Amino acid sequence: MLLCIDLRAVRVATAMVVLSFFPFALTAQEKPNIVLMMADDMGFSDLGCYGGEIETPNLDQLAQGGLRFTQFYNTARCCPTRAALMTGLYQHQAGLGHMTGNYGVPSYQGYLNDRCVTIAEALRPAGYTTLMTGKWHVGSKPEGWPLQRGFDRYWGTPSGGGVYFKDTLQIRKEVFFVDGNERVELEDDFYITDDLTDHAIKFIDQAVNETKKPFFLYFAHIAPHWPLQAKPEDIARQAGRYDAGWDEARKARFARQVKMGLFPEGTRLSPRDQDANAWEQMSPEAREDLAHRMEVYAAQVQCIDQNVGRLVAKLKELGQFENTLFLFLSDNGCSAEGGPGGFSRGKAGAPIGTGLSYASVGLEWANANDTPFRKFKIDTREGGISTPLIAHWPKGIQLSGGEGRLVDAPGHVIDVMPTLVEVAGATYPTTHDGKEVIPTPGQSFAQQFRGPQEVASRDLFWEHEGNKAIRRGDWKAVRIKSGAWQLYDLKHDRTETNNLAKEQPEKTKELAQAWKQWADSAGVIEWSQLQKQRKK
């Protein structure tokens, strides 16, 4: 009951913020366009502006002319993050407590429920054309696809990804692509990142020149999620870059992060993951294979950046760039699936990087790509749930001297909905199609656009496959599966290297109890119990 009261208070507070940010009604010409772009399985430190060696000049330039958030969070996995991002609710509240499988209970039904609204459903009544390209993955049946959840145009795959080239459909036979609601055949020269951008540019051009409305574009990348597949010319640009291995890459990335101010002096780089091998212990043959895997991964990230450049160029051509809010983030930490060394399960003899190969980058490189944190995708330690977030909006973000700014205030993907509702001059509905809508627990971060702002203290929660976490102020409690609760002081130990649970048992108990109260209200079911239900 206490949580319900808090959530309703958030709704009122959000409405008040809208009034303070926009004290007058916006015309269609004044409303900003919005591009919400999400990478898939990209590590916290992969972008140049977050310490990476991968060349990402277009995203770096947006960061230099905007904001970089240093403590922004996702939910540790693709489907849950997409559900929370799209609805402003925790994933369990929206119906995707795990993935798209239906466990027979509302919080784990595997598709967006009728008690939530998507960003598109919230913005369309405010005069927006709503567009999407990419990976949907929050409802596999046609009645739950984007056009049925508020989008005017859609091109992409309604289910999972895992496809870069047309050839890959021979391996991932269950994946298909649609234009709107109709299945389409792919062109022979198809490459996913380029193709999604082609359709995004087409949709934007039509929105500006034909509908004459501001647009909301949700661009959900498949890259750099496995399999490792990239265009030969992009792979060639990475040649030799990773020959020194993951240990040196982690050190170099961390040094750049500290120099950039992403982490304060005194922050410790987390130890190499306990399951990761030392680079120097690998055989020459293994080093060659593993360095190449990271080259392909880097090529996939670099291709995202190249296409961001194409999108920006189109916005400038149309005269829309200055009044477009551009947000870029990732759905979880880099994937360690395949364990040390990664997996290879494509067509026999197919070189890694090609359409008939099917390989992953491996645990060690995932550890490096999530520098400086521990762990990766699926885990609720910082490496699994921390995402870069870039915000760029020349007309709406105030900067001193025109230079970019770091935002250290903690945030979560549930905050994107109230933020976009605010800047669009829209209203988060109380009902939709005759059903009461669950109030968003998210908190708008639009106030950060006006300058550094203190934010109201609130708890943030996580749960995925039995991995639990809560953040209250600078305290974070974590419980992995059935293990003991751990406690970290993130102000002095963002990399979670000093477990204070024994020194602070009362604080640990306090946070564990708060997490349990939230879990009960949000519909979280213990992972072990959920597995029993799934087997029935």
Protein backbone atom coordinates (compact mmCIF):
# COMPACT_ATOMS: atom_id res chain seq x y z
CA MET A 1 0.00 0.00 0.00
CA LEU A 2 2.83 2.39 0.82
CA LEU A 3 4.32 1.82 -2.63
CA CYS A 4 0.98 2.58 -4.31
CA ILE A 5 0.80 5.89 -2.43
CA ASP A 6 4.32 6.75 -3.50
CA LEU A 7 3.56 5.92 -7.12
CA ARG A 8 0.52 8.17 -7.19
CA ALA A 9 2.61 10.93 -5.67
CA VAL A 10 5.10 10.47 -8.50
CA ARG A 11 2.27 11.01 -10.99
CA VAL A 12 1.34 14.30 -9.35
CA ALA A 13 4.97 15.38 -9.09
CA THR A 14 5.55 14.61 -12.77
CA ALA A 15 2.56 16.72 -13.77
CA MET A 16 3.90 19.61 -11.68
CA VAL A 17 7.31 19.36 -13.35
CA VAL A 18 5.67 19.54 -16.79
CA LEU A 19 4.04 22.78 -15.80
CA SER A 20 7.30 24.26 -14.51
CA PHE A 21 9.37 23.21 -17.52
CA PHE A 22 6.81 24.39 -20.08
CA PRO A 23 4.62 27.09 -18.45
CA PHE A 24 2.76 27.59 -21.73
CA ALA A 25 1.28 25.36 -24.40
CA LEU A 26 3.74 24.34 -27.12
CA THR A 27 2.85 24.65 -30.77
CA ALA A 28 3.62 21.80 -33.17
CA GLN A 29 6.63 23.77 -34.43
CA GLU A 30 7.98 24.26 -30.92
CA LYS A 31 7.64 20.66 -29.76
CA PRO A 32 10.96 18.85 -30.07
CA ASN A 33 11.44 15.81 -32.21
CA ILE A 34 12.68 12.86 -30.17
CA VAL A 35 15.09 10.10 -31.19
CA LEU A 36 15.41 7.36 -28.58
CA MET A 37 18.18 4.99 -29.65
CA MET A 38 19.16 1.85 -27.78
CA ALA A 39 22.08 -0.48 -28.46
CA ASP A 40 21.77 -4.18 -27.64
CA ASP A 41 24.34 -5.78 -25.28
CA MET A 42 26.78 -2.87 -25.56
CA GLY A 43 29.23 -2.47 -22.68
CA PHE A 44 29.41 0.61 -20.46
CA SER A 45 32.88 1.59 -21.72
CA ASP A 46 32.60 0.76 -25.43
CA LEU A 47 32.00 4.30 -26.72
CA GLY A 48 34.92 6.68 -27.03
CA CYS A 49 33.15 9.22 -24.82
CA TYR A 50 32.89 6.58 -22.07
CA GLY A 51 36.53 5.53 -22.24
CA GLY A 52 36.56 3.05 -25.11
CA GLU A 53 39.14 2.78 -27.86
CA ILE A 54 36.44 2.05 -30.45
CA GLU A 55 36.17 5.01 -32.81
CA THR A 56 32.71 6.53 -32.27
CA PRO A 57 33.15 10.16 -33.40
CA ASN A 58 29.47 10.85 -34.08
CA LEU A 59 28.24 9.74 -30.67
CA ASP A 60 31.26 11.41 -29.06
CA GLN A 61 30.29 14.68 -30.76
CA LEU A 62 26.72 14.42 -29.45
CA ALA A 63 28.15 13.86 -25.97
CA GLN A 64 30.49 16.84 -26.32
CA GLY A 65 27.49 19.02 -27.15
CA GLY A 66 25.17 17.49 -24.59
CA LEU A 67 25.05 15.40 -21.43
CA ARG A 68 26.69 12.16 -20.36
CA PHE A 69 25.06 10.39 -17.44
CA THR A 70 27.51 8.50 -15.24
CA GLN A 71 25.04 6.59 -13.03
CA PHE A 72 22.18 5.57 -15.31
CA TYR A 73 20.74 2.07 -15.11
CA ASN A 74 18.92 -0.55 -17.16
CA THR A 75 17.40 -3.82 -15.92
CA ALA A 76 20.27 -6.22 -16.91
CA ARG A 77 18.48 -7.94 -19.83
CA CYS A 78 16.94 -7.09 -23.19
CA CYS A 79 13.19 -7.80 -22.83
CA PRO A 80 12.85 -6.39 -19.31
CA THR A 81 14.75 -3.22 -20.24
CA ARG A 82 12.64 -2.70 -23.35
CA ALA A 83 9.47 -3.12 -21.31
CA ALA A 84 10.63 -0.68 -18.62
CA LEU A 85 11.94 1.80 -21.20
CA MET A 86 8.75 1.79 -23.25
CA THR A 87 6.30 2.00 -20.34
CA GLY A 88 8.01 3.82 -17.47
CA LEU A 89 7.15 0.85 -15.24
CA TYR A 90 9.30 -1.83 -13.71
CA GLN A 91 9.24 -4.79 -16.07
CA HIS A 92 7.18 -6.98 -13.73
CA GLN A 93 4.50 -4.30 -13.56
CA ALA A 94 4.36 -4.22 -17.36
CA GLY A 95 4.11 -8.02 -17.74
CA LEU A 96 7.70 -8.94 -18.68
CA GLY A 97 9.25 -10.02 -15.41
CA HIS A 98 11.52 -12.34 -17.36
CA MET A 99 11.51 -12.73 -21.16
CA THR A 100 8.72 -13.31 -23.69
CA GLY A 101 7.75 -16.75 -22.38
CA ASN A 102 4.37 -16.92 -20.62
CA TYR A 103 4.64 -18.29 -17.08
CA GLY A 104 0.91 -18.07 -16.47
CA VAL A 105 0.98 -15.13 -14.05
CA PRO A 106 0.36 -11.45 -14.97
CA SER A 107 3.83 -10.19 -14.06
CA TYR A 108 5.46 -12.90 -16.21
CA GLN A 109 3.03 -13.17 -19.11
CA GLY A 110 5.74 -12.31 -21.66
CA TYR A 111 4.10 -9.31 -23.38
CA LEU A 112 3.05 -5.77 -22.46
CA ASN A 113 -0.17 -5.83 -20.49
CA ASP A 114 -3.25 -3.61 -20.70
CA ARG A 115 -2.38 -1.69 -17.52
CA CYS A 116 0.52 0.16 -19.16
CA VAL A 117 0.98 2.58 -22.03
CA THR A 118 3.97 2.86 -24.33
CA ILE A 119 5.79 6.12 -24.98
CA ALA A 120 4.15 6.09 -28.41
CA GLU A 121 0.70 5.77 -26.87
CA ALA A 122 1.48 8.67 -24.54
CA LEU A 123 2.96 10.98 -27.21
CA ARG A 124 0.57 10.38 -30.11
CA PRO A 125 -2.31 12.26 -28.42
CA ALA A 126 0.12 15.18 -27.96
CA GLY A 127 0.44 15.51 -31.74
CA TYR A 128 3.43 13.28 -32.45
CA THR A 129 4.02 10.99 -35.38
CA THR A 130 5.33 7.79 -33.77
CA LEU A 131 7.99 5.77 -35.57
CA MET A 132 10.05 2.69 -34.80
CA THR A 133 12.76 0.61 -36.41
CA GLY A 134 14.50 -2.42 -34.93
CA LYS A 135 14.01 -5.07 -32.29
CA TRP A 136 10.65 -4.98 -30.47
CA HIS A 137 10.87 -8.05 -28.20
CA VAL A 138 8.08 -7.14 -25.78
CA GLY A 139 5.30 -9.17 -27.38
CA SER A 140 5.75 -11.83 -30.04
CA LYS A 141 2.12 -12.20 -31.17
CA PRO A 142 0.78 -9.77 -33.81
CA GLU A 143 -1.73 -8.23 -31.41
CA GLY A 144 1.20 -7.01 -29.32
CA TRP A 145 3.37 -5.59 -32.13
CA PRO A 146 4.30 -1.89 -32.38
CA LEU A 147 1.41 -0.74 -34.58
CA GLN A 148 -0.96 -2.17 -32.00
CA ARG A 149 0.88 -0.29 -29.23
CA GLY A 150 0.78 3.26 -30.51
CA PHE A 151 3.28 3.40 -33.37
CA ASP A 152 2.32 4.78 -36.78
CA ARG A 153 5.20 3.18 -38.67
CA TYR A 154 7.40 0.17 -37.91
CA TRP A 155 10.12 -1.79 -39.68
CA GLY A 156 12.09 -4.48 -37.91
CA THR A 157 11.81 -7.80 -36.13
CA PRO A 158 9.02 -8.22 -33.56
CA SER A 159 10.85 -11.02 -31.74
CA GLY A 160 14.53 -11.43 -30.91
CA GLY A 161 17.51 -10.37 -32.98
CA GLY A 162 20.65 -12.35 -33.71
CA VAL A 163 20.61 -11.59 -37.45
CA TYR A 164 22.94 -9.21 -39.31
CA PHE A 165 23.07 -10.65 -42.83
CA LYS A 166 20.37 -12.36 -44.89
CA ASP A 167 22.43 -15.57 -44.79
CA THR A 168 21.99 -15.74 -41.03
CA LEU A 169 18.30 -16.56 -41.46
CA GLN A 170 19.49 -20.04 -42.43
CA ILE A 171 20.64 -20.38 -38.81
CA ARG A 172 18.03 -18.27 -37.00
CA LYS A 173 15.02 -19.65 -38.87
CA GLU A 174 12.55 -18.37 -36.29
CA VAL A 175 13.47 -14.71 -36.87
CA PHE A 176 11.51 -12.67 -39.39
CA PHE A 177 11.11 -9.03 -40.36
CA VAL A 178 8.00 -6.95 -40.90
CA ASP A 179 7.01 -3.66 -42.47
CA GLY A 180 4.13 -2.58 -40.27
CA ASN A 181 2.29 -5.86 -39.77
CA GLU A 182 3.37 -7.55 -43.01
CA ARG A 183 6.29 -9.93 -43.33
CA VAL A 184 8.96 -8.86 -45.80
CA GLU A 185 11.82 -10.56 -47.65
CA LEU A 186 15.30 -9.17 -47.09
CA GLU A 187 17.49 -7.83 -49.89
CA ASP A 188 20.58 -9.88 -50.73
CA ASP A 189 22.91 -7.04 -49.62
CA PHE A 190 21.07 -6.58 -46.32
CA TYR A 191 23.09 -5.57 -43.25
CA ILE A 192 20.92 -4.92 -40.22
CA THR A 193 22.41 -1.69 -38.83
CA ASP A 194 22.46 0.01 -42.22
CA ASP A 195 19.00 -1.22 -43.12
CA LEU A 196 17.36 -0.06 -39.90
CA THR A 197 18.90 3.36 -40.49
CA ASP A 198 17.64 3.44 -44.09
CA HIS A 199 14.09 2.94 -42.83
CA ALA A 200 14.51 5.41 -39.97
CA ILE A 201 15.66 8.09 -42.42
CA LYS A 202 12.73 7.32 -44.71
CA PHE A 203 10.25 7.55 -41.83
CA ILE A 204 11.71 10.86 -40.61
CA ASP A 205 11.65 12.35 -44.10
CA GLN A 206 7.96 11.46 -44.46
CA ALA A 207 7.12 12.78 -40.99
CA VAL A 208 8.75 16.14 -41.68
CA ASN A 209 7.61 16.64 -45.27
CA GLU A 210 4.22 14.92 -45.32
CA THR A 211 2.64 14.70 -41.86
CA LYS A 212 4.12 18.05 -40.73
CA LYS A 213 4.15 16.84 -37.15
CA PRO A 214 6.94 16.48 -34.61
CA PHE A 215 8.13 12.90 -34.53
CA PHE A 216 9.13 10.35 -31.93
CA LEU A 217 11.52 7.71 -33.29
CA TYR A 218 12.36 4.65 -31.22
CA PHE A 219 15.42 3.09 -32.85
CA ALA A 220 16.18 -0.27 -31.22
CA HIS A 221 19.44 -1.67 -32.56
CA ILE A 222 20.28 -5.36 -32.77
CA ALA A 223 24.02 -4.55 -32.62
CA PRO A 224 26.35 -5.40 -30.98
CA HIS A 225 24.43 -8.43 -29.61
CA TRP A 226 25.91 -11.75 -30.70
CA PRO A 227 26.51 -13.25 -33.24
CA LEU A 228 29.72 -11.49 -34.21
CA GLN A 229 28.94 -10.38 -37.75
CA ALA A 230 30.17 -7.25 -39.49
CA LYS A 231 30.96 -5.91 -42.93
CA PRO A 232 34.50 -6.80 -44.09
CA GLU A 233 35.56 -3.17 -44.46
CA ASP A 234 34.48 -2.39 -40.90
CA ILE A 235 36.36 -5.38 -39.53
CA ALA A 236 39.47 -4.38 -41.47
CA ARG A 237 39.54 -1.01 -39.70
CA GLN A 238 40.07 -2.81 -36.38
CA ALA A 239 43.05 -4.91 -37.49
CA GLY A 240 45.61 -5.34 -34.72
CA ARG A 241 43.77 -3.14 -32.24
CA TYR A 242 43.21 -5.92 -29.71
CA ASP A 243 46.46 -7.86 -30.02
CA ALA A 244 47.52 -6.68 -26.54
CA GLY A 245 44.49 -8.40 -25.01
CA TRP A 246 41.74 -7.69 -22.54
CA ASP A 247 43.90 -6.95 -19.49
CA GLU A 248 45.60 -4.04 -21.22
CA ALA A 249 42.29 -2.90 -22.70
CA ARG A 250 40.70 -2.74 -19.22
CA LYS A 251 43.59 -0.69 -17.82
CA ALA A 252 43.59 1.73 -20.74
CA ARG A 253 39.83 2.21 -20.67
CA PHE A 254 39.80 2.84 -16.95
CA ALA A 255 42.61 5.39 -17.17
CA ARG A 256 40.66 7.31 -19.81
CA GLN A 257 37.45 7.13 -17.73
CA VAL A 258 39.15 8.65 -14.71
CA LYS A 259 40.77 11.35 -16.85
CA MET A 260 37.34 12.19 -18.32
CA GLY A 261 35.88 12.56 -14.84
CA LEU A 262 33.45 9.66 -15.23
CA PHE A 263 34.80 8.32 -11.94
CA PRO A 264 36.49 10.21 -9.13
CA GLU A 265 40.12 9.84 -8.25
CA GLY A 266 40.48 6.95 -5.82
CA THR A 267 38.03 4.71 -7.70
CA ARG A 268 39.46 1.22 -8.04
CA LEU A 269 39.31 -0.86 -11.18
CA SER A 270 37.54 -4.08 -10.25
CA PRO A 271 39.72 -7.20 -10.40
CA ARG A 272 39.64 -9.30 -13.55
CA ASP A 273 36.58 -11.56 -13.31
CA GLN A 274 37.25 -14.78 -11.42
CA ASP A 275 36.25 -16.84 -14.46
CA ALA A 276 38.37 -14.82 -16.89
CA ASN A 277 41.76 -16.06 -18.04
CA ALA A 278 44.82 -13.83 -18.04
CA TRP A 279 45.69 -12.79 -21.59
CA GLU A 280 49.34 -13.70 -21.12
CA GLN A 281 48.33 -17.27 -20.30
CA MET A 282 46.52 -17.80 -23.61
CA SER A 283 48.20 -19.70 -26.44
CA PRO A 284 49.20 -17.78 -29.60
CA GLU A 285 46.39 -19.52 -31.51
CA ALA A 286 43.81 -18.57 -28.86
CA ARG A 287 45.05 -14.97 -28.81
CA GLU A 288 44.63 -14.68 -32.56
CA ASP A 289 41.08 -16.02 -32.41
CA LEU A 290 40.06 -13.92 -29.42
CA ALA A 291 41.60 -10.69 -30.71
CA HIS A 292 39.68 -11.20 -33.95
CA ARG A 293 36.43 -11.71 -32.05
CA MET A 294 36.84 -8.35 -30.39
CA GLU A 295 37.72 -6.77 -33.73
CA VAL A 296 34.37 -7.92 -35.10
CA TYR A 297 32.55 -6.71 -32.00
CA ALA A 298 34.23 -3.30 -32.31
CA ALA A 299 33.24 -3.17 -35.98
CA GLN A 300 29.60 -3.70 -34.99
CA VAL A 301 29.77 -0.81 -32.51
CA GLN A 302 31.55 1.40 -35.01
CA CYS A 303 28.85 0.69 -37.58
CA ILE A 304 26.23 1.97 -35.12
CA ASP A 305 28.21 5.19 -34.85
CA GLN A 306 28.55 5.55 -38.62
CA ASN A 307 24.80 5.29 -38.94
CA VAL A 308 24.26 7.81 -36.16
CA GLY A 309 26.25 10.13 -38.42
CA ARG A 310 23.90 9.39 -41.31
CA LEU A 311 20.86 10.08 -39.14
CA VAL A 312 22.31 13.35 -37.84
CA ALA A 313 23.13 14.44 -41.39
CA LYS A 314 19.51 13.83 -42.42
CA LEU A 315 18.17 15.82 -39.47
CA LYS A 316 20.45 18.71 -40.41
CA GLU A 317 19.37 18.49 -44.05
CA LEU A 318 15.73 18.72 -42.97
CA GLY A 319 16.42 21.62 -40.59
CA GLN A 320 15.37 19.51 -37.60
CA PHE A 321 18.64 18.85 -35.78
CA GLU A 322 18.58 21.84 -33.44
CA ASN A 323 15.18 20.93 -32.02
CA THR A 324 15.65 17.17 -31.78
CA LEU A 325 16.24 15.51 -28.43
CA PHE A 326 18.56 12.57 -29.04
CA LEU A 327 18.95 9.92 -26.32
CA PHE A 328 21.35 6.98 -26.66
CA LEU A 329 21.72 4.07 -24.20
CA SER A 330 22.19 0.28 -23.95
CA ASP A 331 19.76 -2.39 -22.76
CA ASN A 332 22.26 -4.18 -20.48
CA GLY A 333 25.94 -4.77 -19.97
CA CYS A 334 28.02 -6.64 -22.51
CA SER A 335 27.15 -10.33 -22.80
CA ALA A 336 29.42 -13.02 -21.36
CA GLU A 337 27.29 -15.77 -22.90
CA GLY A 338 29.48 -18.60 -24.06
CA GLY A 339 31.73 -18.20 -21.03
CA PRO A 340 35.51 -17.87 -21.32
CA GLY A 341 36.52 -17.69 -24.96
CA GLY A 342 32.92 -17.40 -26.16
CA PHE A 343 30.92 -19.84 -28.27
CA SER A 344 31.09 -20.79 -31.96
CA ARG A 345 28.07 -22.59 -33.32
CA GLY A 346 27.56 -21.45 -36.89
CA LYS A 347 28.10 -23.33 -40.13
CA ALA A 348 31.27 -25.41 -40.00
CA GLY A 349 34.18 -23.55 -41.55
CA ALA A 350 32.40 -20.18 -41.78
CA PRO A 351 34.89 -17.45 -40.75
CA ILE A 352 33.84 -15.52 -37.64
CA GLY A 353 32.29 -12.26 -38.74
CA THR A 354 30.46 -13.63 -41.77
CA GLY A 355 26.73 -14.32 -42.12
CA LEU A 356 26.97 -18.09 -41.66
CA SER A 357 29.17 -17.85 -38.58
CA TYR A 358 27.55 -17.62 -35.16
CA ALA A 359 29.98 -16.70 -32.41
CA SER A 360 30.18 -14.59 -29.25
CA VAL A 361 32.89 -12.32 -27.93
CA GLY A 362 33.29 -14.28 -24.68
CA LEU A 363 33.41 -13.61 -20.96
CA GLU A 364 36.85 -12.00 -20.87
CA TRP A 365 36.07 -9.34 -23.45
CA ALA A 366 32.67 -8.76 -21.83
CA ASN A 367 34.56 -8.06 -18.60
CA ALA A 368 36.68 -5.51 -20.48
CA ASN A 369 33.74 -3.92 -22.28
CA ASP A 370 32.00 -3.32 -18.94
CA THR A 371 35.07 -1.56 -17.47
CA PRO A 372 35.45 -0.66 -14.63
CA PHE A 373 32.62 -2.75 -13.22
CA ARG A 374 32.16 -6.32 -12.10
CA LYS A 375 30.07 -8.76 -14.10
CA PHE A 376 27.91 -8.37 -17.18
CA LYS A 377 24.46 -8.91 -18.73
CA ILE A 378 21.89 -10.74 -16.52
CA ASP A 379 23.78 -9.88 -13.31
CA THR A 380 22.53 -7.08 -11.02
CA ARG A 381 26.00 -5.89 -10.09
CA GLU A 382 27.06 -2.67 -11.80
CA GLY A 383 28.48 -4.34 -14.92
CA GLY A 384 25.10 -5.85 -15.72
CA ILE A 385 22.89 -2.83 -15.08
CA SER A 386 25.00 0.27 -15.85
CA THR A 387 24.46 1.96 -19.19
CA PRO A 388 25.91 5.00 -20.89
CA LEU A 389 23.27 7.63 -21.55
CA ILE A 390 23.92 10.49 -23.95
CA ALA A 391 21.40 13.33 -24.18
CA HIS A 392 21.73 15.95 -26.94
CA TRP A 393 19.28 18.77 -27.71
CA PRO A 394 20.74 22.10 -28.86
CA LYS A 395 17.52 24.05 -28.25
CA GLY A 396 16.68 22.41 -24.96
CA ILE A 397 19.90 21.59 -23.09
CA GLN A 398 21.71 24.51 -21.50
CA LEU A 399 25.49 24.24 -21.45
CA SER A 400 28.15 26.53 -20.09
CA GLY A 401 30.36 27.65 -22.96
CA GLY A 402 28.68 25.12 -25.23
CA GLU A 403 30.68 22.22 -23.80
CA GLY A 404 29.17 18.95 -22.69
CA ARG A 405 28.43 18.18 -19.08
CA LEU A 406 28.48 15.08 -16.87
CA VAL A 407 25.36 14.20 -14.87
CA ASP A 408 26.11 12.15 -11.76
CA ALA A 409 22.53 11.91 -10.49
CA PRO A 410 21.34 8.26 -10.49
CA GLY A 411 18.68 7.42 -13.07
CA HIS A 412 16.87 4.40 -14.47
CA VAL A 413 15.19 3.48 -17.75
CA ILE A 414 11.81 3.92 -16.01
CA ASP A 415 12.70 7.64 -16.01
CA VAL A 416 12.64 7.94 -19.81
CA MET A 417 8.83 7.87 -20.05
CA PRO A 418 8.21 10.81 -17.66
CA THR A 419 11.10 12.74 -19.23
CA LEU A 420 9.70 12.42 -22.75
CA VAL A 421 6.16 13.13 -21.60
CA GLU A 422 7.48 16.32 -20.04
CA VAL A 423 9.52 17.63 -22.97
CA ALA A 424 6.71 16.75 -25.41
CA GLY A 425 4.13 18.65 -23.39
CA ALA A 426 2.13 15.43 -23.18
CA THR A 427 0.19 13.87 -20.31
CA TYR A 428 0.80 10.49 -18.75
CA PRO A 429 -2.70 8.97 -18.80
CA THR A 430 -4.60 7.62 -15.84
CA THR A 431 -6.65 5.31 -18.09
CA HIS A 432 -6.17 3.71 -21.50
CA ASP A 433 -8.79 1.79 -23.47
CA GLY A 434 -11.02 1.78 -20.44
CA LYS A 435 -8.38 0.31 -18.10
CA GLU A 436 -6.65 2.09 -15.23
CA VAL A 437 -2.99 2.68 -16.02
CA ILE A 438 -0.40 1.88 -13.37
CA PRO A 439 1.28 5.15 -12.29
CA THR A 440 4.88 5.40 -13.39
CA PRO A 441 7.47 5.11 -10.61
CA GLY A 442 9.89 6.93 -12.92
CA GLN A 443 11.25 10.41 -12.27
CA SER A 444 11.82 12.90 -15.10
CA PHE A 445 15.42 13.96 -15.61
CA ALA A 446 14.47 16.90 -17.84
CA GLN A 447 15.48 19.27 -15.05
CA GLN A 448 19.08 18.27 -15.78
CA PHE A 449 18.72 19.93 -19.18
CA ARG A 450 18.65 23.34 -17.47
CA GLY A 451 21.85 22.76 -15.53
CA PRO A 452 23.18 20.58 -12.70
CA GLN A 453 20.28 19.75 -10.40
CA GLU A 454 19.84 17.88 -7.15
CA VAL A 455 17.30 15.09 -7.49
CA ALA A 456 14.81 13.78 -5.00
CA SER A 457 16.05 10.72 -3.15
CA ARG A 458 14.22 7.53 -4.07
CA ASP A 459 14.83 3.80 -4.10
CA LEU A 460 15.67 1.93 -7.30
CA PHE A 461 15.07 -1.80 -7.65
CA TRP A 462 16.24 -4.72 -9.76
CA GLU A 463 15.40 -8.40 -10.19
CA HIS A 464 16.29 -10.77 -12.99
CA GLU A 465 16.49 -14.56 -12.79
CA GLY A 466 16.80 -14.40 -9.02
CA ASN A 467 19.50 -11.70 -9.05
CA LYS A 468 18.31 -8.86 -6.82
CA ALA A 469 19.43 -5.32 -6.01
CA ILE A 470 18.24 -2.11 -4.42
CA ARG A 471 19.87 1.32 -4.42
CA ARG A 472 18.95 3.86 -1.73
CA GLY A 473 21.02 7.00 -1.97
CA ASP A 474 24.62 5.83 -2.23
CA TRP A 475 23.90 2.47 -0.60
CA LYS A 476 23.38 -0.57 -2.80
CA ALA A 477 22.43 -4.05 -1.61
CA VAL A 478 22.87 -7.00 -3.97
CA ARG A 479 21.86 -10.64 -3.71
CA ILE A 480 22.90 -13.10 -6.42
CA LYS A 481 20.57 -16.12 -6.64
CA SER A 482 20.34 -17.74 -3.19
CA GLY A 483 23.52 -16.15 -1.85
CA ALA A 484 23.77 -13.71 1.03
CA TRP A 485 22.93 -10.03 0.66
CA GLN A 486 25.98 -7.87 -0.06
CA LEU A 487 26.24 -4.16 0.72
CA TYR A 488 28.24 -1.46 -1.05
CA ASP A 489 28.79 2.26 -0.55
CA LEU A 490 28.69 3.45 -4.15
CA LYS A 491 29.87 6.95 -3.29
CA HIS A 492 33.28 5.56 -2.38
CA ASP A 493 33.12 2.16 -4.10
CA ARG A 494 31.21 2.32 -7.38
CA THR A 495 33.02 -0.81 -8.59
CA GLU A 496 31.68 -2.91 -5.70
CA THR A 497 35.01 -4.17 -4.42
CA ASN A 498 34.35 -3.81 -0.66
CA ASN A 499 31.36 -5.73 0.72
CA LEU A 500 30.21 -3.97 3.92
CA ALA A 501 27.40 -6.36 4.84
CA LYS A 502 29.19 -7.66 7.95
CA GLU A 503 30.17 -4.18 9.12
CA GLN A 504 26.68 -2.76 8.45
CA PRO A 505 24.20 -5.57 9.23
CA GLU A 506 21.33 -3.21 10.10
CA LYS A 507 21.67 -1.25 6.86
CA THR A 508 21.84 -4.51 4.91
CA LYS A 509 18.68 -5.76 6.64
CA GLU A 510 16.91 -2.44 6.04
CA LEU A 511 17.58 -2.55 2.32
CA ALA A 512 16.71 -6.24 2.01
CA GLN A 513 13.35 -5.59 3.67
CA ALA A 514 12.68 -2.61 1.39
CA TRP A 515 13.49 -4.77 -1.62
CA LYS A 516 11.06 -7.46 -0.41
CA GLN A 517 8.29 -4.89 0.05
CA TRP A 518 8.84 -3.63 -3.51
CA ALA A 519 9.04 -7.15 -4.93
CA ASP A 520 5.71 -8.12 -3.36
CA SER A 521 4.00 -5.01 -4.74
CA ALA A 522 5.52 -5.37 -8.23
CA GLY A 523 4.64 -9.05 -8.65
CA VAL A 524 8.15 -10.50 -8.41
CA ILE A 525 8.21 -14.28 -7.96
CA GLU A 526 11.26 -16.13 -6.68
CA TRP A 527 13.21 -17.55 -9.62
CA SER A 528 13.28 -21.09 -8.24
CA GLN A 529 9.49 -21.04 -7.82
CA LEU A 530 9.01 -19.57 -11.28
CA GLN A 531 10.98 -22.42 -12.83
CA LYS A 532 8.64 -24.93 -11.19
CA GLN A 533 5.64 -23.10 -12.64
CA ARG A 534 7.24 -23.08 -16.07
CA LYS A 535 7.65 -26.85 -16.03
CA LYS A 536 3.96 -27.46 -15.30
